[in-house]
N, C-alpha and C. Protein backbone atom coordinates (compact mmCIF):
# COMPACT_ATOMS: atom_id res chain seq x y z
N MET A 1 10.99 -12.93 -4.09
CA MET A 1 10.36 -12.10 -3.11
C MET A 1 8.93 -12.57 -2.92
N TYR A 2 8.45 -12.39 -1.73
CA TYR A 2 7.05 -12.71 -1.47
C TYR A 2 6.57 -11.94 -0.25
N SER A 3 5.25 -11.88 -0.13
CA SER A 3 4.63 -11.21 1.00
C SER A 3 3.39 -11.99 1.39
N LEU A 4 3.27 -12.31 2.66
CA LEU A 4 2.11 -13.00 3.21
C LEU A 4 1.40 -12.08 4.17
N LYS A 5 0.10 -11.96 4.02
CA LYS A 5 -0.67 -11.09 4.91
C LYS A 5 -1.47 -12.00 5.84
N CYS A 6 -1.02 -12.15 7.07
CA CYS A 6 -1.72 -12.95 8.09
C CYS A 6 -1.73 -12.14 9.39
N SER A 7 -1.73 -12.81 10.52
CA SER A 7 -1.79 -12.08 11.79
C SER A 7 -0.57 -11.17 11.97
N TYR A 8 0.56 -11.56 11.40
CA TYR A 8 1.73 -10.69 11.36
C TYR A 8 2.27 -10.72 9.93
N PRO A 9 2.72 -9.60 9.40
CA PRO A 9 3.18 -9.58 8.00
C PRO A 9 4.51 -10.30 7.83
N LYS A 10 4.62 -11.11 6.79
CA LYS A 10 5.86 -11.82 6.46
C LYS A 10 6.26 -11.40 5.06
N MET A 11 7.33 -10.62 4.94
CA MET A 11 7.78 -10.12 3.66
C MET A 11 9.27 -10.39 3.48
N THR A 12 9.65 -10.82 2.28
CA THR A 12 11.06 -11.00 1.96
C THR A 12 11.33 -10.49 0.56
N ALA A 13 12.54 -10.07 0.33
CA ALA A 13 13.01 -9.68 -0.99
C ALA A 13 14.50 -10.02 -1.02
N LYS A 14 14.90 -10.83 -1.96
CA LYS A 14 16.28 -11.31 -2.01
C LYS A 14 17.26 -10.16 -2.21
N GLY A 15 18.28 -10.11 -1.37
CA GLY A 15 19.32 -9.10 -1.48
C GLY A 15 19.01 -7.79 -0.80
N ILE A 16 17.83 -7.65 -0.22
CA ILE A 16 17.44 -6.42 0.46
C ILE A 16 17.44 -6.68 1.96
N LYS A 17 18.01 -5.76 2.72
CA LYS A 17 18.10 -5.95 4.16
C LYS A 17 16.72 -6.03 4.80
N LYS A 18 16.59 -6.89 5.79
CA LYS A 18 15.31 -7.06 6.49
C LYS A 18 14.86 -5.77 7.16
N SER A 19 15.80 -5.01 7.68
CA SER A 19 15.43 -3.76 8.35
C SER A 19 14.83 -2.77 7.36
N TYR A 20 15.32 -2.76 6.11
CA TYR A 20 14.75 -1.86 5.10
C TYR A 20 13.33 -2.29 4.76
N ILE A 21 13.12 -3.58 4.59
CA ILE A 21 11.78 -4.09 4.26
C ILE A 21 10.80 -3.79 5.38
N LYS A 22 11.24 -3.98 6.61
CA LYS A 22 10.36 -3.76 7.76
C LYS A 22 9.92 -2.31 7.87
N ARG A 23 10.81 -1.37 7.54
CA ARG A 23 10.49 0.05 7.71
C ARG A 23 9.84 0.70 6.48
N HIS A 24 10.16 0.22 5.27
CA HIS A 24 9.77 0.96 4.08
C HIS A 24 8.81 0.25 3.14
N VAL A 25 8.68 -1.07 3.22
CA VAL A 25 7.89 -1.81 2.23
C VAL A 25 6.63 -2.35 2.90
N ARG A 26 5.51 -2.21 2.22
CA ARG A 26 4.22 -2.70 2.72
C ARG A 26 3.67 -3.77 1.77
N HIS A 27 2.73 -4.55 2.25
CA HIS A 27 2.12 -5.61 1.44
C HIS A 27 1.47 -5.02 0.18
N SER A 28 0.87 -3.87 0.30
CA SER A 28 0.22 -3.25 -0.85
C SER A 28 1.23 -2.94 -1.97
N ALA A 29 2.49 -2.66 -1.61
CA ALA A 29 3.52 -2.40 -2.63
C ALA A 29 3.82 -3.67 -3.41
N PHE A 30 3.82 -4.84 -2.74
CA PHE A 30 4.02 -6.11 -3.43
C PHE A 30 2.89 -6.36 -4.43
N VAL A 31 1.65 -6.13 -4.00
CA VAL A 31 0.49 -6.34 -4.87
C VAL A 31 0.54 -5.37 -6.05
N TYR A 32 0.89 -4.13 -5.80
CA TYR A 32 0.97 -3.11 -6.83
C TYR A 32 2.02 -3.50 -7.88
N ALA A 33 3.17 -3.99 -7.42
CA ALA A 33 4.23 -4.41 -8.35
C ALA A 33 3.82 -5.68 -9.10
N LEU A 34 3.14 -6.60 -8.45
CA LEU A 34 2.72 -7.84 -9.08
C LEU A 34 1.74 -7.58 -10.22
N ARG A 35 0.86 -6.65 -10.03
CA ARG A 35 -0.13 -6.33 -11.07
C ARG A 35 0.47 -5.50 -12.19
N GLY A 36 1.75 -5.14 -12.08
CA GLY A 36 2.45 -4.44 -13.15
C GLY A 36 2.17 -2.96 -13.23
N LYS A 37 1.62 -2.38 -12.18
CA LYS A 37 1.30 -0.95 -12.20
C LYS A 37 2.49 -0.09 -11.78
N GLN A 38 3.56 -0.73 -11.36
CA GLN A 38 4.74 -0.01 -10.90
C GLN A 38 5.93 -0.52 -11.71
N GLN A 39 6.75 0.37 -12.22
CA GLN A 39 7.91 -0.07 -13.01
C GLN A 39 8.88 -0.85 -12.13
N SER A 40 9.48 -0.22 -11.18
CA SER A 40 10.32 -0.87 -10.18
C SER A 40 10.66 0.16 -9.12
N SER A 41 10.86 -0.32 -7.90
CA SER A 41 11.21 0.59 -6.81
C SER A 41 12.64 0.32 -6.38
N MET A 42 13.32 1.36 -6.00
CA MET A 42 14.71 1.26 -5.60
C MET A 42 14.82 1.28 -4.07
N ALA A 43 15.77 0.50 -3.57
CA ALA A 43 16.05 0.46 -2.14
C ALA A 43 17.45 1.04 -1.92
N ARG A 44 17.55 1.98 -1.00
CA ARG A 44 18.85 2.58 -0.64
C ARG A 44 19.09 2.32 0.83
N PHE A 45 20.21 1.66 1.13
CA PHE A 45 20.55 1.37 2.52
C PHE A 45 22.06 1.25 2.66
N LYS A 46 22.53 1.26 3.89
CA LYS A 46 23.96 1.13 4.16
C LYS A 46 24.23 -0.25 4.75
N THR A 47 25.36 -0.81 4.39
CA THR A 47 25.74 -2.14 4.88
C THR A 47 27.25 -2.21 5.05
N PHE A 48 27.71 -3.22 5.76
CA PHE A 48 29.14 -3.46 5.94
C PHE A 48 29.62 -4.36 4.82
N ARG A 49 30.77 -4.03 4.24
CA ARG A 49 31.39 -4.85 3.21
C ARG A 49 32.86 -5.00 3.53
N SER A 50 33.39 -6.15 3.17
CA SER A 50 34.81 -6.41 3.34
C SER A 50 35.46 -6.45 1.97
N ILE A 51 36.39 -5.54 1.72
CA ILE A 51 37.12 -5.48 0.46
C ILE A 51 38.60 -5.61 0.79
N ASN A 52 39.21 -6.68 0.33
CA ASN A 52 40.62 -6.99 0.64
C ASN A 52 40.86 -7.02 2.15
N HIS A 53 39.95 -7.64 2.87
CA HIS A 53 40.03 -7.82 4.33
C HIS A 53 39.96 -6.49 5.09
N VAL A 54 39.42 -5.47 4.47
CA VAL A 54 39.21 -4.19 5.12
C VAL A 54 37.71 -3.95 5.18
N ILE A 55 37.18 -3.87 6.40
CA ILE A 55 35.74 -3.68 6.58
C ILE A 55 35.40 -2.20 6.49
N SER A 56 34.37 -1.90 5.69
CA SER A 56 33.94 -0.52 5.54
C SER A 56 32.42 -0.48 5.41
N THR A 57 31.87 0.71 5.60
CA THR A 57 30.44 0.93 5.42
C THR A 57 30.22 1.43 4.01
N VAL A 58 29.26 0.80 3.31
CA VAL A 58 29.02 1.12 1.91
C VAL A 58 27.54 1.44 1.72
N ALA A 59 27.24 2.48 0.98
CA ALA A 59 25.86 2.80 0.61
C ALA A 59 25.51 1.98 -0.62
N VAL A 60 24.39 1.24 -0.56
CA VAL A 60 23.98 0.33 -1.63
C VAL A 60 22.63 0.79 -2.17
N GLU A 61 22.47 0.71 -3.48
CA GLU A 61 21.19 1.00 -4.13
C GLU A 61 20.84 -0.18 -5.02
N LYS A 62 19.70 -0.83 -4.75
CA LYS A 62 19.27 -2.01 -5.49
C LYS A 62 17.81 -1.87 -5.91
N ILE A 63 17.42 -2.66 -6.90
CA ILE A 63 16.01 -2.73 -7.26
C ILE A 63 15.31 -3.59 -6.21
N CYS A 64 14.30 -3.03 -5.57
CA CYS A 64 13.61 -3.72 -4.49
C CYS A 64 12.44 -4.54 -5.02
N LEU A 65 11.46 -3.90 -5.61
CA LEU A 65 10.30 -4.59 -6.16
C LEU A 65 10.21 -4.30 -7.65
N SER A 66 10.03 -5.37 -8.43
CA SER A 66 9.93 -5.22 -9.86
C SER A 66 8.93 -6.23 -10.41
N PRO A 67 8.05 -5.81 -11.32
CA PRO A 67 7.08 -6.74 -11.89
C PRO A 67 7.67 -7.62 -12.98
N PHE A 68 8.92 -7.41 -13.38
CA PHE A 68 9.52 -8.14 -14.48
C PHE A 68 10.20 -9.41 -14.00
N ASP A 69 9.93 -10.52 -14.69
CA ASP A 69 10.58 -11.79 -14.41
C ASP A 69 11.11 -12.32 -15.73
N THR A 70 12.41 -12.28 -15.92
CA THR A 70 13.00 -12.65 -17.19
C THR A 70 13.14 -14.15 -17.38
N LYS A 71 12.81 -14.95 -16.38
CA LYS A 71 12.96 -16.40 -16.48
C LYS A 71 11.62 -17.13 -16.59
N ARG A 72 10.52 -16.40 -16.64
CA ARG A 72 9.21 -17.03 -16.69
C ARG A 72 8.37 -16.41 -17.80
N TYR A 73 7.45 -17.20 -18.36
CA TYR A 73 6.50 -16.74 -19.37
C TYR A 73 5.18 -16.50 -18.67
N ILE A 74 4.63 -15.31 -18.78
CA ILE A 74 3.38 -14.97 -18.11
C ILE A 74 2.22 -15.36 -19.03
N LEU A 75 1.30 -16.16 -18.50
CA LEU A 75 0.14 -16.62 -19.27
C LEU A 75 -0.87 -15.50 -19.41
N PRO A 76 -1.85 -15.65 -20.33
CA PRO A 76 -2.81 -14.56 -20.60
C PRO A 76 -3.61 -14.08 -19.40
N ASP A 77 -3.78 -14.91 -18.34
CA ASP A 77 -4.54 -14.45 -17.18
C ASP A 77 -3.78 -13.41 -16.36
N GLY A 78 -2.47 -13.24 -16.63
CA GLY A 78 -1.68 -12.22 -15.96
C GLY A 78 -1.11 -12.63 -14.61
N MET A 79 -1.46 -13.80 -14.10
CA MET A 79 -0.97 -14.25 -12.79
C MET A 79 -0.16 -15.55 -12.90
N SER A 80 -0.63 -16.48 -13.71
CA SER A 80 0.04 -17.77 -13.84
C SER A 80 1.26 -17.65 -14.75
N THR A 81 2.28 -18.44 -14.46
CA THR A 81 3.50 -18.40 -15.25
C THR A 81 3.98 -19.82 -15.53
N LEU A 82 4.81 -19.93 -16.56
CA LEU A 82 5.50 -21.17 -16.89
C LEU A 82 6.97 -20.84 -17.14
N ALA A 83 7.85 -21.76 -16.80
CA ALA A 83 9.27 -21.55 -17.06
C ALA A 83 9.52 -21.63 -18.55
N TYR A 84 10.47 -20.83 -19.05
CA TYR A 84 10.82 -20.92 -20.46
C TYR A 84 11.35 -22.32 -20.73
N GLY A 85 10.89 -22.92 -21.84
CA GLY A 85 11.26 -24.29 -22.17
C GLY A 85 10.21 -25.30 -21.74
N HIS A 86 9.14 -24.86 -21.06
CA HIS A 86 8.08 -25.77 -20.61
C HIS A 86 7.37 -26.35 -21.83
N PHE A 87 6.96 -27.63 -21.75
CA PHE A 87 6.37 -28.31 -22.90
C PHE A 87 5.06 -27.66 -23.34
N ARG A 88 4.31 -27.03 -22.45
CA ARG A 88 3.04 -26.40 -22.83
C ARG A 88 3.24 -25.13 -23.64
N LEU A 89 4.42 -24.55 -23.61
CA LEU A 89 4.68 -23.34 -24.39
C LEU A 89 4.84 -23.63 -25.88
N ARG A 90 5.10 -24.88 -26.24
CA ARG A 90 5.22 -25.24 -27.64
C ARG A 90 3.88 -25.12 -28.36
N ASP A 91 2.79 -25.31 -27.63
CA ASP A 91 1.45 -25.24 -28.22
C ASP A 91 0.98 -23.81 -28.44
N MET A 92 1.61 -22.84 -27.82
CA MET A 92 1.14 -21.45 -27.88
C MET A 92 1.71 -20.73 -29.08
């Protein structure tokens, strides 16, 4: 997920519908989650799903913004990260 603040806002979150992000999520929410002040926010929306070739409308609830990244090591500055297994992590 990312958010760019320029002449027009550009926000994405993987697995969350664009219409939900456009109506409910603001750039400040991304910053708030990045700084770790928010546990996680939930997104509730309806979407079409095909189950056994039968199309139906399904209500979906997903984690929208979360400060937790289980695949990266956060450095002491709180912003920079390294992937687990990185050679610089051996020195720490």
